Amino acid sequence: MLVNLTPHPIRIYGWSVPDRIDQAQHAPLLTLEPSGTVARIGQIDLGTQHLLHCPAPVEFVEFRHANGLPPRPAKGSPEWENPTTWYVVSLALALSEAGHRPDLLVPYQEVRNLEGTVVGCRSLAHPV
């Protein structure tokens, strides 16, 4: 099962679709509607610093602590070894959880409309 934990539909077009498409001429192979739960990477603001030779203030931010993800399977469990439910999340969130979760996928190989806006992808990827 695929669960979309992003706030927007994910359209998967397949590898033969060009980089830019007229959406009226190309239908997606699969559309994953948002589940209603949005998983996001959390952040903790650690304060502002002024760095040597940098004229702009710089915020030190810790990016991790995922929000909105279901509990992860226990390591060594059948669900860890062979997930039956896959969660589609943002790349930033999946990378922050790489090695800690076996069940996260991300959109891969963007497909854009003729104006250049991302409208889908060619497949899903499993960050490792």
N, C-alpha and C. Protein backbone atom coordinates (compact mmCIF):
# COMPACT_ATOMS: atom_id res chain seq x y z
N MET A 1 0.83 -1.17 0.00
CA MET A 1 0.00 0.00 0.00
C MET A 1 0.89 1.25 0.00
N LEU A 2 0.49 2.27 -0.75
CA LEU A 2 1.19 3.56 -0.79
C LEU A 2 0.35 4.61 -0.09
N VAL A 3 0.97 5.37 0.82
CA VAL A 3 0.29 6.44 1.54
C VAL A 3 1.05 7.73 1.27
N ASN A 4 0.36 8.72 0.72
CA ASN A 4 0.95 10.00 0.39
C ASN A 4 0.88 10.92 1.61
N LEU A 5 2.03 11.18 2.23
CA LEU A 5 2.09 12.06 3.40
C LEU A 5 2.57 13.46 3.02
N THR A 6 2.36 13.85 1.75
CA THR A 6 2.64 15.22 1.32
C THR A 6 1.30 15.95 1.19
N PRO A 7 1.32 17.28 1.08
CA PRO A 7 0.05 18.01 1.00
C PRO A 7 -0.56 18.10 -0.40
N HIS A 8 0.04 17.46 -1.39
CA HIS A 8 -0.46 17.58 -2.76
C HIS A 8 -0.48 16.22 -3.45
N PRO A 9 -1.28 16.08 -4.51
CA PRO A 9 -1.29 14.82 -5.26
C PRO A 9 0.08 14.56 -5.88
N ILE A 10 0.43 13.30 -5.98
CA ILE A 10 1.67 12.90 -6.65
C ILE A 10 1.27 12.10 -7.88
N ARG A 11 1.65 12.64 -9.04
CA ARG A 11 1.33 11.99 -10.31
C ARG A 11 2.57 11.28 -10.82
N ILE A 12 2.43 10.00 -11.11
CA ILE A 12 3.55 9.20 -11.61
C ILE A 12 3.27 8.90 -13.08
N TYR A 13 4.18 9.36 -13.94
CA TYR A 13 3.98 9.28 -15.39
C TYR A 13 4.71 8.12 -16.06
N GLY A 14 5.77 7.62 -15.50
CA GLY A 14 6.53 6.55 -16.15
C GLY A 14 7.73 7.10 -16.90
N TRP A 15 8.66 6.22 -17.21
CA TRP A 15 9.97 6.62 -17.76
C TRP A 15 9.92 7.14 -19.19
N SER A 16 8.92 6.80 -19.96
CA SER A 16 8.91 7.22 -21.37
C SER A 16 8.40 8.65 -21.56
N VAL A 17 7.89 9.28 -20.52
CA VAL A 17 7.35 10.64 -20.64
C VAL A 17 8.51 11.64 -20.69
N PRO A 18 8.44 12.64 -21.59
CA PRO A 18 9.52 13.63 -21.67
C PRO A 18 9.59 14.52 -20.42
N ASP A 19 10.66 15.29 -20.32
CA ASP A 19 10.86 16.18 -19.17
C ASP A 19 9.74 17.21 -19.05
N ARG A 20 9.28 17.73 -20.18
CA ARG A 20 8.20 18.72 -20.20
C ARG A 20 7.05 18.16 -21.03
N ILE A 21 5.86 18.30 -20.47
CA ILE A 21 4.69 17.71 -21.13
C ILE A 21 3.54 18.71 -21.23
N ASP A 22 2.68 18.45 -22.20
CA ASP A 22 1.37 19.06 -22.25
C ASP A 22 0.47 18.08 -21.51
N GLN A 23 -0.03 18.49 -20.35
CA GLN A 23 -0.79 17.56 -19.50
C GLN A 23 -2.05 17.03 -20.20
N ALA A 24 -2.55 17.75 -21.19
CA ALA A 24 -3.73 17.27 -21.92
C ALA A 24 -3.37 16.07 -22.80
N GLN A 25 -2.08 15.89 -23.09
CA GLN A 25 -1.65 14.81 -23.97
C GLN A 25 -1.01 13.63 -23.24
N HIS A 26 -0.76 13.77 -21.95
CA HIS A 26 -0.11 12.70 -21.17
C HIS A 26 -0.87 12.49 -19.87
N ALA A 27 -1.41 11.32 -19.70
CA ALA A 27 -2.10 10.98 -18.45
C ALA A 27 -1.12 10.24 -17.54
N PRO A 28 -1.18 10.49 -16.24
CA PRO A 28 -0.31 9.74 -15.33
C PRO A 28 -0.72 8.27 -15.26
N LEU A 29 0.28 7.43 -14.97
CA LEU A 29 0.00 6.01 -14.76
C LEU A 29 -0.72 5.80 -13.43
N LEU A 30 -0.40 6.66 -12.47
CA LEU A 30 -0.92 6.53 -11.12
C LEU A 30 -0.93 7.90 -10.47
N THR A 31 -1.99 8.23 -9.74
CA THR A 31 -2.05 9.46 -8.96
C THR A 31 -2.28 9.08 -7.51
N LEU A 32 -1.39 9.55 -6.64
CA LEU A 32 -1.53 9.32 -5.20
C LEU A 32 -2.11 10.58 -4.57
N GLU A 33 -3.33 10.52 -4.13
CA GLU A 33 -3.96 11.67 -3.49
C GLU A 33 -3.39 11.84 -2.08
N PRO A 34 -3.36 13.06 -1.55
CA PRO A 34 -2.88 13.26 -0.18
C PRO A 34 -3.74 12.47 0.80
N SER A 35 -3.09 11.92 1.81
CA SER A 35 -3.81 11.12 2.80
C SER A 35 -4.57 11.96 3.81
N GLY A 36 -4.22 13.25 3.89
CA GLY A 36 -4.81 14.11 4.92
C GLY A 36 -3.86 14.35 6.07
N THR A 37 -2.83 13.52 6.19
CA THR A 37 -1.77 13.71 7.17
C THR A 37 -0.53 14.16 6.41
N VAL A 38 0.08 15.24 6.89
CA VAL A 38 1.30 15.74 6.24
C VAL A 38 2.48 15.52 7.18
N ALA A 39 3.47 14.78 6.70
CA ALA A 39 4.70 14.55 7.46
C ALA A 39 5.71 15.61 7.06
N ARG A 40 6.30 16.23 8.04
CA ARG A 40 7.28 17.30 7.78
C ARG A 40 8.51 17.09 8.64
N ILE A 41 9.61 17.64 8.14
CA ILE A 41 10.82 17.63 8.93
C ILE A 41 10.72 18.79 9.93
N GLY A 42 10.97 18.49 11.19
CA GLY A 42 10.91 19.52 12.22
C GLY A 42 12.17 20.34 12.25
N GLN A 43 12.09 21.45 12.94
CA GLN A 43 13.27 22.30 13.07
C GLN A 43 13.30 22.90 14.45
N ILE A 44 14.51 23.11 14.93
CA ILE A 44 14.73 23.77 16.22
C ILE A 44 15.67 24.94 15.95
N ASP A 45 15.18 26.15 16.22
CA ASP A 45 16.01 27.34 16.05
C ASP A 45 16.97 27.43 17.22
N LEU A 46 18.26 27.53 16.91
CA LEU A 46 19.30 27.55 17.94
C LEU A 46 19.89 28.94 18.16
N GLY A 47 19.42 29.92 17.39
CA GLY A 47 19.88 31.28 17.59
C GLY A 47 20.55 31.86 16.36
N THR A 48 20.69 33.18 16.40
CA THR A 48 21.30 33.92 15.29
C THR A 48 22.77 34.16 15.58
N GLN A 49 23.57 34.03 14.55
CA GLN A 49 25.00 34.30 14.65
C GLN A 49 25.39 35.30 13.57
N HIS A 50 26.45 36.02 13.80
CA HIS A 50 27.05 36.87 12.76
C HIS A 50 28.39 36.24 12.45
N LEU A 51 28.51 35.72 11.24
CA LEU A 51 29.70 34.99 10.83
C LEU A 51 30.71 35.94 10.19
N LEU A 52 31.96 35.66 10.43
CA LEU A 52 33.04 36.45 9.87
C LEU A 52 32.94 36.46 8.34
N HIS A 53 33.02 37.61 7.73
CA HIS A 53 32.97 37.80 6.28
C HIS A 53 31.61 37.47 5.67
N CYS A 54 30.56 37.41 6.47
CA CYS A 54 29.21 37.18 5.97
C CYS A 54 28.36 38.36 6.41
N PRO A 55 27.90 39.19 5.47
CA PRO A 55 27.18 40.40 5.85
C PRO A 55 25.74 40.16 6.33
N ALA A 56 25.21 38.97 6.15
CA ALA A 56 23.83 38.68 6.56
C ALA A 56 23.82 37.91 7.87
N PRO A 57 22.82 38.14 8.71
CA PRO A 57 22.68 37.30 9.91
C PRO A 57 22.39 35.86 9.49
N VAL A 58 22.88 34.91 10.25
CA VAL A 58 22.72 33.49 9.94
C VAL A 58 22.04 32.80 11.12
N GLU A 59 20.94 32.14 10.82
CA GLU A 59 20.24 31.37 11.85
C GLU A 59 20.84 29.96 11.91
N PHE A 60 21.16 29.50 13.07
CA PHE A 60 21.59 28.13 13.26
C PHE A 60 20.33 27.32 13.57
N VAL A 61 20.07 26.31 12.73
CA VAL A 61 18.83 25.55 12.83
C VAL A 61 19.16 24.07 12.76
N GLU A 62 18.58 23.32 13.67
CA GLU A 62 18.71 21.86 13.65
C GLU A 62 17.49 21.32 12.90
N PHE A 63 17.73 20.69 11.75
CA PHE A 63 16.64 20.13 10.96
C PHE A 63 16.60 18.62 11.17
N ARG A 64 15.63 18.18 11.90
CA ARG A 64 15.33 16.76 12.09
C ARG A 64 14.08 16.64 12.93
N HIS A 65 13.88 15.57 13.59
CA HIS A 65 12.69 15.40 14.42
C HIS A 65 11.43 15.42 13.56
N ALA A 66 11.23 14.38 12.80
CA ALA A 66 10.10 14.28 11.89
C ALA A 66 8.78 14.41 12.64
N ASN A 67 7.85 15.12 12.03
CA ASN A 67 6.49 15.27 12.55
C ASN A 67 5.52 14.66 11.56
N GLY A 68 4.52 13.95 12.05
CA GLY A 68 3.47 13.42 11.18
C GLY A 68 3.72 12.04 10.63
N LEU A 69 4.83 11.41 10.98
CA LEU A 69 5.08 10.04 10.51
C LEU A 69 4.43 9.04 11.46
N PRO A 70 3.89 7.96 10.92
CA PRO A 70 3.38 6.90 11.81
C PRO A 70 4.56 6.25 12.53
N PRO A 71 4.30 5.51 13.60
CA PRO A 71 5.41 4.85 14.30
C PRO A 71 6.21 3.97 13.34
N ARG A 72 7.51 3.97 13.53
CA ARG A 72 8.34 3.15 12.64
C ARG A 72 8.31 1.71 13.12
N PRO A 73 8.49 0.79 12.17
CA PRO A 73 8.51 -0.63 12.56
C PRO A 73 9.75 -0.94 13.39
N ALA A 74 9.65 -1.93 14.23
CA ALA A 74 10.79 -2.34 15.05
C ALA A 74 11.84 -3.01 14.18
N LYS A 75 13.10 -2.64 14.42
CA LYS A 75 14.18 -3.28 13.66
C LYS A 75 14.14 -4.78 13.88
N GLY A 76 14.31 -5.52 12.79
CA GLY A 76 14.29 -6.97 12.87
C GLY A 76 12.90 -7.57 12.72
N SER A 77 11.87 -6.73 12.80
CA SER A 77 10.50 -7.25 12.65
C SER A 77 10.23 -7.54 11.18
N PRO A 78 9.21 -8.37 10.88
CA PRO A 78 8.88 -8.63 9.48
C PRO A 78 8.56 -7.34 8.71
N GLU A 79 7.91 -6.38 9.36
CA GLU A 79 7.56 -5.12 8.69
C GLU A 79 8.81 -4.29 8.40
N TRP A 80 9.85 -4.41 9.23
CA TRP A 80 11.12 -3.71 8.95
C TRP A 80 11.80 -4.35 7.74
N GLU A 81 11.81 -5.66 7.73
CA GLU A 81 12.49 -6.39 6.66
C GLU A 81 11.76 -6.30 5.33
N ASN A 82 10.44 -6.26 5.37
CA ASN A 82 9.64 -6.26 4.15
C ASN A 82 8.38 -5.43 4.37
N PRO A 83 8.48 -4.08 4.28
CA PRO A 83 7.31 -3.24 4.55
C PRO A 83 6.14 -3.56 3.62
N THR A 84 4.94 -3.52 4.18
CA THR A 84 3.74 -3.70 3.38
C THR A 84 3.05 -2.36 3.13
N THR A 85 3.41 -1.35 3.92
CA THR A 85 2.92 0.00 3.72
C THR A 85 4.12 0.91 3.48
N TRP A 86 4.05 1.68 2.39
CA TRP A 86 5.11 2.62 2.02
C TRP A 86 4.56 4.04 2.14
N TYR A 87 5.35 4.93 2.72
CA TYR A 87 4.94 6.31 2.93
C TYR A 87 5.74 7.21 1.99
N VAL A 88 5.03 8.00 1.19
CA VAL A 88 5.68 8.94 0.28
C VAL A 88 5.79 10.28 1.00
N VAL A 89 7.03 10.77 1.11
CA VAL A 89 7.32 11.99 1.87
C VAL A 89 8.27 12.87 1.05
N SER A 90 8.58 14.05 1.57
CA SER A 90 9.54 14.93 0.90
C SER A 90 10.94 14.33 0.98
N LEU A 91 11.79 14.74 0.05
CA LEU A 91 13.16 14.27 0.04
C LEU A 91 13.90 14.68 1.32
N ALA A 92 13.70 15.92 1.78
CA ALA A 92 14.38 16.37 2.99
C ALA A 92 14.02 15.48 4.18
N LEU A 93 12.76 15.14 4.31
CA LEU A 93 12.34 14.29 5.42
C LEU A 93 12.91 12.89 5.27
N ALA A 94 12.84 12.33 4.08
CA ALA A 94 13.36 10.97 3.87
C ALA A 94 14.86 10.90 4.14
N LEU A 95 15.60 11.93 3.73
CA LEU A 95 17.05 11.93 3.98
C LEU A 95 17.35 12.05 5.47
N SER A 96 16.53 12.79 6.19
CA SER A 96 16.76 12.92 7.64
C SER A 96 16.49 11.61 8.36
N GLU A 97 15.68 10.76 7.76
CA GLU A 97 15.31 9.47 8.37
C GLU A 97 16.04 8.28 7.74
N ALA A 98 16.87 8.52 6.72
CA ALA A 98 17.57 7.42 6.04
C ALA A 98 18.36 6.59 7.05
N GLY A 99 18.20 5.30 6.97
CA GLY A 99 18.86 4.39 7.89
C GLY A 99 18.05 4.13 9.15
N HIS A 100 17.06 4.98 9.42
CA HIS A 100 16.22 4.81 10.60
C HIS A 100 14.84 4.26 10.27
N ARG A 101 14.46 4.35 8.99
CA ARG A 101 13.16 3.86 8.56
C ARG A 101 13.32 3.13 7.22
N PRO A 102 12.70 1.96 7.09
CA PRO A 102 12.79 1.24 5.81
C PRO A 102 11.62 1.50 4.89
N ASP A 103 10.67 2.36 5.30
CA ASP A 103 9.37 2.45 4.63
C ASP A 103 9.07 3.79 3.98
N LEU A 104 10.11 4.60 3.71
CA LEU A 104 9.88 5.93 3.14
C LEU A 104 10.32 5.98 1.68
N LEU A 105 9.48 6.57 0.85
CA LEU A 105 9.75 6.77 -0.57
C LEU A 105 9.59 8.25 -0.90
N VAL A 106 10.23 8.67 -2.00
CA VAL A 106 10.14 10.06 -2.44
C VAL A 106 9.85 10.11 -3.94
N PRO A 107 9.21 11.19 -4.41
CA PRO A 107 9.08 11.35 -5.86
C PRO A 107 10.46 11.46 -6.50
N TYR A 108 10.61 10.88 -7.69
CA TYR A 108 11.92 10.83 -8.35
C TYR A 108 11.77 11.17 -9.83
N GLN A 109 12.71 11.92 -10.36
CA GLN A 109 12.76 12.32 -11.77
C GLN A 109 11.52 13.15 -12.13
N GLU A 110 11.60 14.43 -11.80
CA GLU A 110 10.48 15.35 -11.99
C GLU A 110 10.02 15.44 -13.45
N VAL A 111 8.72 15.63 -13.60
CA VAL A 111 8.10 15.92 -14.88
C VAL A 111 7.46 17.30 -14.73
N ARG A 112 7.70 18.17 -15.71
CA ARG A 112 7.19 19.54 -15.66
C ARG A 112 6.19 19.78 -16.78
N ASN A 113 5.31 20.78 -16.57
CA ASN A 113 4.42 21.18 -17.66
C ASN A 113 5.18 22.11 -18.61
N LEU A 114 4.52 22.59 -19.63
CA LEU A 114 5.19 23.41 -20.64
C LEU A 114 5.66 24.75 -20.07
N GLU A 115 5.07 25.18 -18.97
CA GLU A 115 5.50 26.43 -18.32
C GLU A 115 6.66 26.20 -17.36
N GLY A 116 7.02 24.95 -17.08
CA GLY A 116 8.15 24.64 -16.21
C GLY A 116 7.78 24.28 -14.79
N THR A 117 6.50 24.22 -14.47
CA THR A 117 6.04 23.86 -13.13
C THR A 117 6.06 22.34 -12.98
N VAL A 118 6.56 21.84 -11.85
CA VAL A 118 6.57 20.40 -11.59
C VAL A 118 5.12 19.92 -11.46
N VAL A 119 4.78 18.91 -12.25
CA VAL A 119 3.42 18.35 -12.23
C VAL A 119 3.41 16.88 -11.84
N GLY A 120 4.58 16.28 -11.72
CA GLY A 120 4.64 14.87 -11.36
C GLY A 120 6.07 14.36 -11.40
N CYS A 121 6.17 13.04 -11.45
CA CYS A 121 7.49 12.39 -11.47
C CYS A 121 7.39 11.14 -12.33
N ARG A 122 8.55 10.53 -12.56
CA ARG A 122 8.56 9.31 -13.38
C ARG A 122 8.48 8.04 -12.54
N SER A 123 8.92 8.14 -11.28
CA SER A 123 8.87 6.99 -10.40
C SER A 123 9.03 7.46 -8.96
N LEU A 124 9.09 6.50 -8.06
CA LEU A 124 9.40 6.79 -6.66
C LEU A 124 10.80 6.25 -6.37
N ALA A 125 11.49 6.87 -5.42
CA ALA A 125 12.84 6.43 -5.03
C ALA A 125 12.84 6.09 -3.55
N HIS A 126 13.74 5.19 -3.20
CA HIS A 126 13.94 4.78 -1.80
C HIS A 126 15.32 5.25 -1.34
N PRO A 127 15.40 6.40 -0.64
CA PRO A 127 16.71 6.90 -0.19
C PRO A 127 17.35 5.93 0.81
N VAL A 128 18.60 5.64 0.58
CA VAL A 128 19.34 4.74 1.49
C VAL A 128 20.60 5.39 2.00
